[in-house]
C-alpha atoms as a PDB file:
ATOM      1  CA  MET A   1     -14.084  46.969 -15.652  1.00  0.00           C
ATOM      2  CA  HIS A   2     -16.607  46.269 -13.037  1.00  0.00           C
ATOM      3  CA  ARG A   3     -16.128  46.881  -9.206  1.00  0.00           C
ATOM      4  CA  PRO A   4     -15.158  44.178  -7.083  1.00  0.00           C
ATOM      5  CA  PHE A   5     -18.670  42.255  -6.497  1.00  0.00           C
ATOM      6  CA  PRO A   6     -19.995  40.968  -3.094  1.00  0.00           C
ATOM      7  CA  GLY A   7     -18.451  37.609  -2.008  1.00  0.00           C
ATOM      8  CA  ALA A   8     -20.777  34.835  -1.758  1.00  0.00           C
ATOM      9  CA  ASP A   9     -20.498  34.375   1.948  1.00  0.00           C
ATOM     10  CA  MET A  10     -21.768  38.060   2.532  1.00  0.00           C
ATOM     11  CA  ARG A  11     -25.206  38.162   4.218  1.00  0.00           C
ATOM     12  CA  HIS A  12     -26.045  41.801   3.202  1.00  0.00           C
ATOM     13  CA  PRO A  13     -24.756  41.957  -0.437  1.00  0.00           C
ATOM     14  CA  LEU A  14     -26.739  45.174  -1.176  1.00  0.00           C
ATOM     15  CA  THR A  15     -25.080  48.789  -0.444  1.00  0.00           C
ATOM     16  CA  LEU A  16     -27.540  51.644  -1.759  1.00  0.00           C
ATOM     17  CA  PRO A  17     -26.028  54.878  -3.474  1.00  0.00           C
ATOM     18  CA  ASP A  18     -25.576  56.757  -0.031  1.00  0.00           C
ATOM     19  CA  GLY A  19     -23.285  54.022   1.047  1.00  0.00           C
ATOM     20  CA  THR A  20     -25.782  52.503   3.576  1.00  0.00           C
ATOM     21  CA  VAL A  21     -26.494  48.351   3.298  1.00  0.00           C
ATOM     22  CA  HIS A  22     -29.817  47.088   2.567  1.00  0.00           C
ATOM     23  CA  THR A  23     -30.924  44.954   5.127  1.00  0.00           C
ATOM     24  CA  GLY A  24     -33.635  44.004   3.460  1.00  0.00           C
ATOM     25  CA  THR A  25     -31.797  42.063   1.204  1.00  0.00           C
ATOM     26  CA  VAL A  26     -29.467  38.964   1.801  1.00  0.00           C
ATOM     27  CA  PHE A  27     -27.647  36.030   0.174  1.00  0.00           C
ATOM     28  CA  LEU A  28     -29.959  33.562   1.429  1.00  0.00           C
ATOM     29  CA  LYS A  29     -27.808  30.963   1.904  1.00  0.00           C
ATOM     30  CA  ASN A  30     -25.913  33.337   4.783  1.00  0.00           C
ATOM     31  CA  ALA A  31     -28.992  34.140   6.488  1.00  0.00           C
ATOM     32  CA  ILE A  32     -30.647  30.532   6.484  1.00  0.00           C
ATOM     33  CA  ASP A  33     -29.189  28.172   9.196  1.00  0.00           C
ATOM     34  CA  HIS A  34     -31.761  25.248   8.849  1.00  0.00           C
ATOM     35  CA  PRO A  35     -31.161  21.617   8.548  1.00  0.00           C
ATOM     36  CA  ARG A  36     -33.528  20.742   5.947  1.00  0.00           C
ATOM     37  CA  ILE A  37     -32.975  23.725   3.430  1.00  0.00           C
ATOM     38  CA  ASP A  38     -30.125  24.049   0.913  1.00  0.00           C
ATOM     39  CA  VAL A  39     -29.375  27.311  -1.151  1.00  0.00           C
ATOM     40  CA  GLY A  40     -26.792  27.904  -3.679  1.00  0.00           C
ATOM     41  CA  ASP A  41     -24.483  30.644  -4.066  1.00  0.00           C
ATOM     42  CA  TYR A  42     -25.339  34.515  -4.707  1.00  0.00           C
ATOM     43  CA  THR A  43     -29.362  33.630  -4.649  1.00  0.00           C
ATOM     44  CA  TYR A  44     -30.808  36.559  -2.468  1.00  0.00           C
ATOM     45  CA  ALA A  45     -34.040  37.233  -1.187  1.00  0.00           C
ATOM     46  CA  SER A  46     -35.608  40.059  -0.050  1.00  0.00           C
ATOM     47  CA  ALA A  47     -38.397  41.605   2.072  1.00  0.00           C
ATOM     48  CA  HIS A  48     -39.420  45.117   2.916  1.00  0.00           C
ATOM     49  CA  THR A  49     -39.717  44.330   6.931  1.00  0.00           C
ATOM     50  CA  PRO A  50     -36.819  42.043   7.127  1.00  0.00           C
ATOM     51  CA  PRO A  51     -37.294  39.364   9.172  1.00  0.00           C
ATOM     52  CA  GLU A  52     -35.192  37.851  12.156  1.00  0.00           C
ATOM     53  CA  ASP A  53     -35.332  34.165  10.851  1.00  0.00           C
ATOM     54  CA  TRP A  54     -35.707  34.042   7.312  1.00  0.00           C
ATOM     55  CA  ALA A  55     -36.070  30.211   7.428  1.00  0.00           C
ATOM     56  CA  ALA A  56     -39.357  30.875   9.051  1.00  0.00           C
ATOM     57  CA  ARG A  57     -40.690  33.517   6.795  1.00  0.00           C
ATOM     58  CA  LEU A  58     -39.866  31.866   3.573  1.00  0.00           C
ATOM     59  CA  ALA A  59     -40.689  28.258   4.576  1.00  0.00           C
ATOM     60  CA  PRO A  60     -42.941  28.589   7.766  1.00  0.00           C
ATOM     61  CA  TYR A  61     -43.937  24.692   7.478  1.00  0.00           C
ATOM     62  CA  LEU A  62     -40.952  23.177   7.111  1.00  0.00           C
ATOM     63  CA  TYR A  63     -39.482  22.138  10.280  1.00  0.00           C
ATOM     64  CA  PRO A  64     -36.021  20.837  11.424  1.00  0.00           C
ATOM     65  CA  GLY A  65     -37.235  17.243  12.217  1.00  0.00           C
ATOM     66  CA  SER A  66     -39.173  17.130   8.516  1.00  0.00           C
ATOM     67  CA  PRO A  67     -39.024  14.414   6.449  1.00  0.00           C
ATOM     68  CA  GLU A  68     -38.909  16.732   3.359  1.00  0.00           C
ATOM     69  CA  ARG A  69     -36.306  19.094   1.955  1.00  0.00           C
ATOM     70  CA  LEU A  70     -36.528  22.702   0.200  1.00  0.00           C
ATOM     71  CA  SER A  71     -33.642  22.943  -2.313  1.00  0.00           C
ATOM     72  CA  ILE A  72     -33.056  26.440  -3.947  1.00  0.00           C
ATOM     73  CA  GLY A  73     -29.942  26.739  -6.724  1.00  0.00           C
ATOM     74  CA  ARG A  74     -27.534  29.361  -7.406  1.00  0.00           C
ATOM     75  CA  PHE A  75     -28.276  33.201  -8.545  1.00  0.00           C
ATOM     76  CA  CYS A  76     -31.874  32.577  -7.650  1.00  0.00           C
ATOM     77  CA  GLN A  77     -33.884  36.072  -7.020  1.00  0.00           C
ATOM     78  CA  ILE A  78     -37.005  35.598  -4.235  1.00  0.00           C
ATOM     79  CA  ALA A  79     -39.185  39.161  -4.066  1.00  0.00           C
ATOM     80  CA  ASP A  80     -40.832  40.180  -1.272  1.00  0.00           C
ATOM     81  CA  GLY A  81     -43.641  37.710   0.277  1.00  0.00           C
ATOM     82  CA  VAL A  82     -42.654  34.611  -1.640  1.00  0.00           C
ATOM     83  CA  THR A  83     -43.409  31.450   0.842  1.00  0.00           C
ATOM     84  CA  PHE A  84     -42.697  27.865   0.134  1.00  0.00           C
ATOM     85  CA  ILE A  85     -45.773  25.377   1.274  1.00  0.00           C
ATOM     86  CA  THR A  86     -43.561  22.360   2.119  1.00  0.00           C
ATOM     87  CA  ALA A  87     -45.024  18.977   2.396  1.00  0.00           C
ATOM     88  CA  SER A  88     -44.930  19.220   6.377  1.00  0.00           C
ATOM     89  CA  ALA A  89     -48.125  21.625   5.985  1.00  0.00           C
ATOM     90  CA  ASN A  90     -50.103  18.744   4.828  1.00  0.00           C
ATOM     91  CA  HIS A  91     -53.283  17.091   6.196  1.00  0.00           C
ATOM     92  CA  ARG A  92     -54.140  13.373   5.465  1.00  0.00           C
ATOM     93  CA  ARG A  93     -57.091  13.780   3.068  1.00  0.00           C
ATOM     94  CA  ASP A  94     -57.615  10.229   1.943  1.00  0.00           C
ATOM     95  CA  GLY A  95     -60.111   9.678   4.965  1.00  0.00           C
ATOM     96  CA  PHE A  96     -63.535  11.127   5.754  1.00  0.00           C
ATOM     97  CA  SER A  97     -61.860  14.184   7.913  1.00  0.00           C
ATOM     98  CA  THR A  98     -58.846  16.042   7.281  1.00  0.00           C
ATOM     99  CA  PHE A  99     -58.545  17.084  11.137  1.00  0.00           C
ATOM    100  CA  PRO A 100     -55.085  16.748  12.307  1.00  0.00           C
ATOM    101  CA  PHE A 101     -56.480  15.358  15.861  1.00  0.00           C
ATOM    102  CA  ALA A 102     -52.634  13.785  16.746  1.00  0.00           C
ATOM    103  CA  VAL A 103     -51.127  17.308  16.564  1.00  0.00           C
ATOM    104  CA  PHE A 104     -53.170  18.586  19.921  1.00  0.00           C
ATOM    105  CA  ASP A 105     -51.976  15.712  22.141  1.00  0.00           C
ATOM    106  CA  GLY A 106     -48.605  14.700  21.420  1.00  0.00           C
ATOM    107  CA  GLY A 107     -49.695  12.389  18.902  1.00  0.00           C
ATOM    108  CA  PHE A 108     -46.656  12.404  16.789  1.00  0.00           C
ATOM    109  CA  GLU A 109     -44.489   9.828  17.709  1.00  0.00           C
ATOM    110  CA  GLU A 110     -47.051   7.582  17.924  1.00  0.00           C
ATOM    111  CA  GLY A 111     -47.799   7.686  13.684  1.00  0.00           C
ATOM    112  CA  ARG A 112     -51.581   8.134  14.753  1.00  0.00           C
ATOM    113  CA  PRO A 113     -54.045   7.522  12.002  1.00  0.00           C
ATOM    114  CA  SER A 114     -55.033  11.391  11.798  1.00  0.00           C
ATOM    115  CA  LEU A 115     -51.448  12.207  10.728  1.00  0.00           C
ATOM    116  CA  PRO A 116     -50.353  12.002   7.106  1.00  0.00           C
ATOM    117  CA  GLN A 117     -48.944   8.705   6.389  1.00  0.00           C
ATOM    118  CA  THR A 118     -46.725   9.923   3.199  1.00  0.00           C
ATOM    119  CA  THR A 119     -45.234  13.198   2.075  1.00  0.00           C
ATOM    120  CA  ASP A 120     -44.698  14.782  -1.173  1.00  0.00           C
ATOM    121  CA  PRO A 121     -41.363  14.959  -2.322  1.00  0.00           C
ATOM    122  CA  ASP A 122     -38.686  17.512  -1.726  1.00  0.00           C
ATOM    123  CA  THR A 123     -39.350  20.983  -3.037  1.00  0.00           C
ATOM    124  CA  VAL A 124     -36.778  21.730  -5.953  1.00  0.00           C
ATOM    125  CA  ILE A 125     -35.843  25.201  -7.338  1.00  0.00           C
ATOM    126  CA  GLY A 126     -33.520  25.239 -10.021  1.00  0.00           C
ATOM    127  CA  HIS A 127     -30.777  27.816 -10.815  1.00  0.00           C
ATOM    128  CA  ASP A 128     -31.457  31.474 -12.092  1.00  0.00           C
ATOM    129  CA  VAL A 129     -35.157  31.296 -11.112  1.00  0.00           C
ATOM    130  CA  TRP A 130     -37.036  34.522 -10.124  1.00  0.00           C
ATOM    131  CA  LEU A 131     -40.143  34.308  -8.097  1.00  0.00           C
ATOM    132  CA  GLY A 132     -41.971  37.252  -8.010  1.00  0.00           C
ATOM    133  CA  GLN A 133     -43.757  39.028  -5.039  1.00  0.00           C
ATOM    134  CA  GLY A 134     -46.118  36.718  -3.606  1.00  0.00           C
ATOM    135  CA  VAL A 135     -45.657  33.701  -5.170  1.00  0.00           C
ATOM    136  CA  ARG A 136     -46.678  30.418  -3.170  1.00  0.00           C
ATOM    137  CA  ILE A 137     -44.824  27.589  -3.988  1.00  0.00           C
ATOM    138  CA  LEU A 138     -46.866  24.501  -3.206  1.00  0.00           C
ATOM    139  CA  PRO A 139     -45.545  21.125  -1.745  1.00  0.00           C
ATOM    140  CA  GLY A 140     -43.318  18.934  -4.173  1.00  0.00           C
ATOM    141  CA  ALA A 141     -42.995  21.724  -6.875  1.00  0.00           C
ATOM    142  CA  ARG A 142     -40.147  21.352  -9.169  1.00  0.00           C
ATOM    143  CA  LEU A 143     -38.999  24.743 -11.107  1.00  0.00           C
ATOM    144  CA  GLY A 144     -36.329  24.264 -13.830  1.00  0.00           C
ATOM    145  CA  HIS A 145     -33.406  26.392 -14.368  1.00  0.00           C
ATOM    146  CA  GLY A 146     -34.677  29.900 -15.555  1.00  0.00           C
ATOM    147  CA  VAL A 147     -37.938  29.684 -14.441  1.00  0.00           C
ATOM    148  CA  ILE A 148     -39.887  33.129 -13.837  1.00  0.00           C
ATOM    149  CA  ALA A 149     -43.185  32.830 -11.583  1.00  0.00           C
ATOM    150  CA  GLY A 150     -45.560  36.020 -12.104  1.00  0.00           C
ATOM    151  CA  ALA A 151     -46.417  37.697  -8.804  1.00  0.00           C
ATOM    152  CA  GLY A 152     -48.986  36.067  -6.913  1.00  0.00           C
ATOM    153  CA  ALA A 153     -48.585  32.932  -8.820  1.00  0.00           C
ATOM    154  CA  VAL A 154     -49.250  29.532  -7.226  1.00  0.00           C
ATOM    155  CA  VAL A 155     -47.267  26.983  -8.314  1.00  0.00           C
ATOM    156  CA  ALA A 156     -47.514  23.347  -8.367  1.00  0.00           C
ATOM    157  CA  GLY A 157     -45.879  20.442  -9.883  1.00  0.00           C
ATOM    158  CA  GLU A 158     -42.953  20.692 -12.210  1.00  0.00           C
ATOM    159  CA  VAL A 159     -42.398  23.440 -14.595  1.00  0.00           C
ATOM    160  CA  PRO A 160     -39.786  23.049 -17.574  1.00  0.00           C
ATOM    161  CA  PRO A 161     -37.054  25.005 -17.599  1.00  0.00           C
ATOM    162  CA  TYR A 162     -37.098  28.453 -19.178  1.00  0.00           C
ATOM    163  CA  THR A 163     -40.963  28.796 -18.616  1.00  0.00           C
ATOM    164  CA  LEU A 164     -42.983  32.073 -17.830  1.00  0.00           C
ATOM    165  CA  VAL A 165     -45.896  30.742 -15.385  1.00  0.00           C
ATOM    166  CA  ALA A 166     -48.778  33.137 -13.774  1.00  0.00           C
ATOM    167  CA  GLY A 167     -51.734  32.763 -12.129  1.00  0.00           C
ATOM    168  CA  ASN A 168     -53.396  30.751  -9.742  1.00  0.00           C
ATOM    169  CA  PRO A 169     -53.213  27.768  -9.982  1.00  0.00           C
ATOM    170  CA  ALA A 170     -50.249  29.065 -12.181  1.00  0.00           C
ATOM    171  CA  ARG A 171     -50.347  28.109 -16.047  1.00  0.00           C
ATOM    172  CA  PRO A 172     -47.678  28.263 -18.544  1.00  0.00           C
ATOM    173  CA  VAL A 173     -47.841  31.788 -20.311  1.00  0.00           C
ATOM    174  CA  ARG A 174     -44.839  30.667 -22.784  1.00  0.00           C
ATOM    175  CA  PRO A 175     -41.387  29.682 -23.056  1.00  0.00           C
ATOM    176  CA  ARG A 176     -39.095  32.128 -22.793  1.00  0.00           C
ATOM    177  CA  PHE A 177     -37.073  30.838 -25.878  1.00  0.00           C
ATOM    178  CA  ASP A 178     -37.491  28.237 -28.488  1.00  0.00           C
ATOM    179  CA  GLU A 179     -36.464  24.355 -27.578  1.00  0.00           C
ATOM    180  CA  ALA A 180     -33.091  25.130 -29.390  1.00  0.00           C
ATOM    181  CA  THR A 181     -31.997  27.880 -27.594  1.00  0.00           C
ATOM    182  CA  ILE A 182     -33.054  26.099 -24.300  1.00  0.00           C
ATOM    183  CA  ALA A 183     -31.039  23.182 -24.797  1.00  0.00           C
ATOM    184  CA  ARG A 184     -27.990  24.982 -25.958  1.00  0.00           C
ATOM    185  CA  LEU A 185     -28.595  27.243 -22.340  1.00  0.00           C
ATOM    186  CA  LEU A 186     -28.794  24.155 -20.069  1.00  0.00           C
ATOM    187  CA  ASN A 187     -25.598  22.752 -21.655  1.00  0.00           C
ATOM    188  CA  ILE A 188     -23.598  26.002 -21.181  1.00  0.00           C
ATOM    189  CA  ALA A 189     -24.910  26.570 -17.819  1.00  0.00           C
ATOM    190  CA  TRP A 190     -23.076  29.785 -16.970  1.00  0.00           C
ATOM    191  CA  TRP A 191     -24.405  29.422 -13.268  1.00  0.00           C
ATOM    192  CA  ASP A 192     -21.648  27.201 -12.774  1.00  0.00           C
ATOM    193  CA  TRP A 193     -19.217  29.657 -13.534  1.00  0.00           C
ATOM    194  CA  PRO A 194     -16.601  31.685 -11.435  1.00  0.00           C
ATOM    195  CA  ILE A 195     -18.020  34.799 -10.532  1.00  0.00           C
ATOM    196  CA  ASP A 196     -15.335  36.899 -12.266  1.00  0.00           C
ATOM    197  CA  ARG A 197     -15.729  34.483 -15.709  1.00  0.00           C
ATOM    198  CA  ILE A 198     -19.628  35.302 -15.197  1.00  0.00           C
ATOM    199  CA  LEU A 199     -18.982  39.280 -14.716  1.00  0.00           C
ATOM    200  CA  ASP A 200     -16.497  39.344 -17.739  1.00  0.00           C
ATOM    201  CA  HIS A 201     -19.508  38.059 -20.150  1.00  0.00           C
ATOM    202  CA  GLU A 202     -22.773  39.910 -18.176  1.00  0.00           C
ATOM    203  CA  ALA A 203     -23.206  41.446 -21.495  1.00  0.00           C
ATOM    204  CA  ALA A 204     -23.797  37.993 -23.229  1.00  0.00           C
ATOM    205  CA  VAL A 205     -25.629  36.466 -19.897  1.00  0.00           C
ATOM    206  CA  CYS A 206     -28.137  39.375 -19.861  1.00  0.00           C
ATOM    207  CA  GLY A 207     -28.093  40.135 -23.317  1.00  0.00           C
ATOM    208  CA  ALA A 208     -29.026  37.029 -24.978  1.00  0.00           C
ATOM    209  CA  ASP A 209     -26.291  36.504 -26.955  1.00  0.00           C
ATOM    210  CA  LEU A 210     -26.233  32.656 -27.427  1.00  0.00           C
ATOM    211  CA  ALA A 211     -23.064  32.766 -29.479  1.00  0.00           C
ATOM    212  CA  ALA A 212     -20.431  34.677 -27.272  1.00  0.00           C
ATOM    213  CA  LEU A 213     -22.070  32.587 -24.500  1.00  0.00           C
ATOM    214  CA  GLU A 214     -21.162  29.461 -25.994  1.00  0.00           C
ATOM    215  CA  ALA A 215     -17.618  30.755 -27.215  1.00  0.00           C
ATOM    216  CA  ALA A 216     -16.934  31.794 -23.512  1.00  0.00           C
ATOM    217  CA  ALA A 217     -17.778  28.366 -22.425  1.00  0.00           C
ATOM    218  CA  GLN A 218     -15.201  26.778 -24.530  1.00  0.00           C
ATOM    219  CA  VAL A 219     -12.632  28.973 -23.053  1.00  0.00           C
END
């Protein structure tokens, strides 16, 4: 029998053993009000020094008027120092200079030649993704469900589901499970279950009991 789980609408879901609330940990969707960021339920972020503006801390180049979006799934774990470097951070790089002349004299609306003419796609983080301390996610990266990015990794491009990546630039270290297991996990999609159902099967989710998870999925 487990104690009541924090509601998905809580801002500070972590209570320490002495009864105090850990203000450096937030359910992220309740700490961010940004028109270009979507975050799923129960995804949390932590910071040793909690920011006043979580959106600015995590995605400092994503502006309200940016054309791209940042989408983060459910049950993700975002460690201290993680930064999403979205497409609006880019400079034009197909000419002789990358210098953004238009930025310094109000040339945004004019579509000046020193501004990028195209943008990278949205940055998309799947469900149950763990981003370790100091990870950098580059513009347009797409991380599949269950990915783990090791501390300090600089991640670009597409990362298949349930892959462990590390390094700069990040490279696959190994798949977390074999292909058949990954396919079955993606079919189960436990992250879409109600939280009480997930908690009832916590041992199977965290203990890699695939048969029990598949049985629970049929209920």
